Protein backbone atom coordinates (compact mmCIF):
# COMPACT_ATOMS: atom_id res chain seq x y z
CA MET A 1 7.87 8.35 5.93
CA LEU A 2 4.35 7.92 4.62
CA PHE A 3 3.52 6.30 1.31
CA MET A 4 0.26 6.12 -0.59
CA VAL A 5 0.39 2.74 -2.30
CA ILE A 6 -1.97 2.35 -5.23
CA GLU A 7 -2.55 -1.30 -6.00
CA THR A 8 -4.15 -2.39 -9.26
CA PHE A 9 -5.34 -5.98 -9.13
CA ARG A 10 -3.88 -7.97 -12.01
CA GLY A 11 -6.48 -9.12 -14.49
CA GLY A 12 -9.01 -7.07 -12.54
CA GLN A 13 -9.16 -9.93 -10.04
CA PRO A 14 -9.12 -8.86 -6.37
CA ARG A 15 -10.16 -12.28 -5.00
CA PRO A 16 -6.64 -13.85 -5.10
CA VAL A 17 -5.34 -10.90 -3.05
CA TYR A 18 -8.09 -11.27 -0.45
CA ASP A 19 -7.57 -15.05 -0.35
CA ARG A 20 -3.83 -14.67 0.33
CA ALA A 21 -4.43 -11.97 2.94
CA ARG A 22 -6.91 -14.23 4.76
CA ALA A 23 -4.52 -17.19 4.65
CA GLN A 24 -1.20 -15.42 5.35
CA GLY A 25 -2.02 -11.96 6.70
CA ARG A 26 -0.62 -8.74 5.27
CA LEU A 27 2.93 -10.16 5.07
CA LEU A 28 4.38 -6.96 6.52
CA PRO A 29 8.06 -7.02 7.43
CA GLU A 30 8.82 -5.75 10.91
CA GLY A 31 9.09 -1.97 10.83
CA LEU A 32 6.51 -1.43 8.09
CA ARG A 33 3.21 -0.16 9.45
CA TYR A 34 -0.16 -0.41 7.75
CA VAL A 35 -2.08 2.81 8.49
CA ASP A 36 -5.35 2.48 6.57
CA SER A 37 -6.79 1.46 3.21
CA TRP A 38 -9.64 2.11 0.82
CA VAL A 39 -10.91 0.00 -2.07
CA ALA A 40 -12.35 1.53 -5.22
CA ALA A 41 -16.07 0.93 -5.56
CA ASP A 42 -15.45 -1.16 -8.69
CA PHE A 43 -12.86 -3.30 -6.82
CA ALA A 44 -10.22 -2.56 -9.47
CA ARG A 45 -7.79 -0.81 -7.10
CA CYS A 46 -6.86 -0.53 -3.47
CA TYR A 47 -5.29 2.55 -1.89
CA GLN A 48 -3.15 1.84 1.16
CA LEU A 49 -1.41 4.30 3.42
CA MET A 50 1.80 2.74 4.72
CA GLU A 51 4.50 4.08 7.05
CA CYS A 52 8.15 3.13 7.52
CA ASP A 53 11.58 4.63 8.09
CA GLU A 54 13.32 2.48 5.49
CA LEU A 55 12.12 2.26 1.90
CA THR A 56 13.60 -1.24 1.65
CA LEU A 57 10.87 -2.48 4.04
CA LEU A 58 8.18 -1.25 1.69
CA MET A 59 9.95 -2.86 -1.25
CA ARG A 60 10.14 -6.20 0.60
CA TRP A 61 6.41 -6.07 1.23
CA ILE A 62 5.69 -5.23 -2.43
CA ALA A 63 7.77 -8.25 -3.49
CA GLU A 64 5.36 -10.50 -1.56
CA TRP A 65 2.41 -9.31 -3.67
CA THR A 66 3.83 -8.41 -7.07
CA ASP A 67 2.54 -11.63 -8.64
CA LEU A 68 -1.04 -10.48 -7.96
CA VAL A 69 -0.83 -6.69 -7.93
CA ASP A 70 0.74 -3.84 -9.91
CA PHE A 71 1.98 -1.07 -7.63
CA GLU A 72 2.36 2.70 -7.77
CA VAL A 73 4.04 4.24 -4.72
CA VAL A 74 3.71 7.93 -3.92
CA PRO A 75 5.56 9.46 -0.94
CA VAL A 76 3.11 11.74 0.87
CA VAL A 77 3.05 14.18 3.77
CA PRO A 78 0.01 15.08 5.89
CA SER A 79 -1.71 18.30 4.86
CA ALA A 80 -1.01 19.79 8.28
CA GLN A 81 2.73 19.44 7.60
CA ALA A 82 2.52 20.64 4.00
CA SER A 83 0.55 23.81 4.70
CA PRO A 84 3.29 25.64 6.66
CA LEU A 85 5.75 24.91 3.86
CA MET A 86 3.55 26.86 1.44
CA SER A 87 3.39 29.99 3.63
């Protein structure tokens, strides 16, 4: 399953997130795969595409960052898979 994770940096402060990531890595549990990410030009949000078979893995990862980030999680499917469903 793919998930678009929208992270909003608490207090508008991305630096603590970057500092932790540099010091400890992404803190991904085994089985959760980071696909790609994009940061808003104003550095207020980060959009991450994550993949896993068990939602609990994603929730474990979120728990590692919830002190610094507010999360919105949207299950997504690739456009190539969605298009045939709309035929």
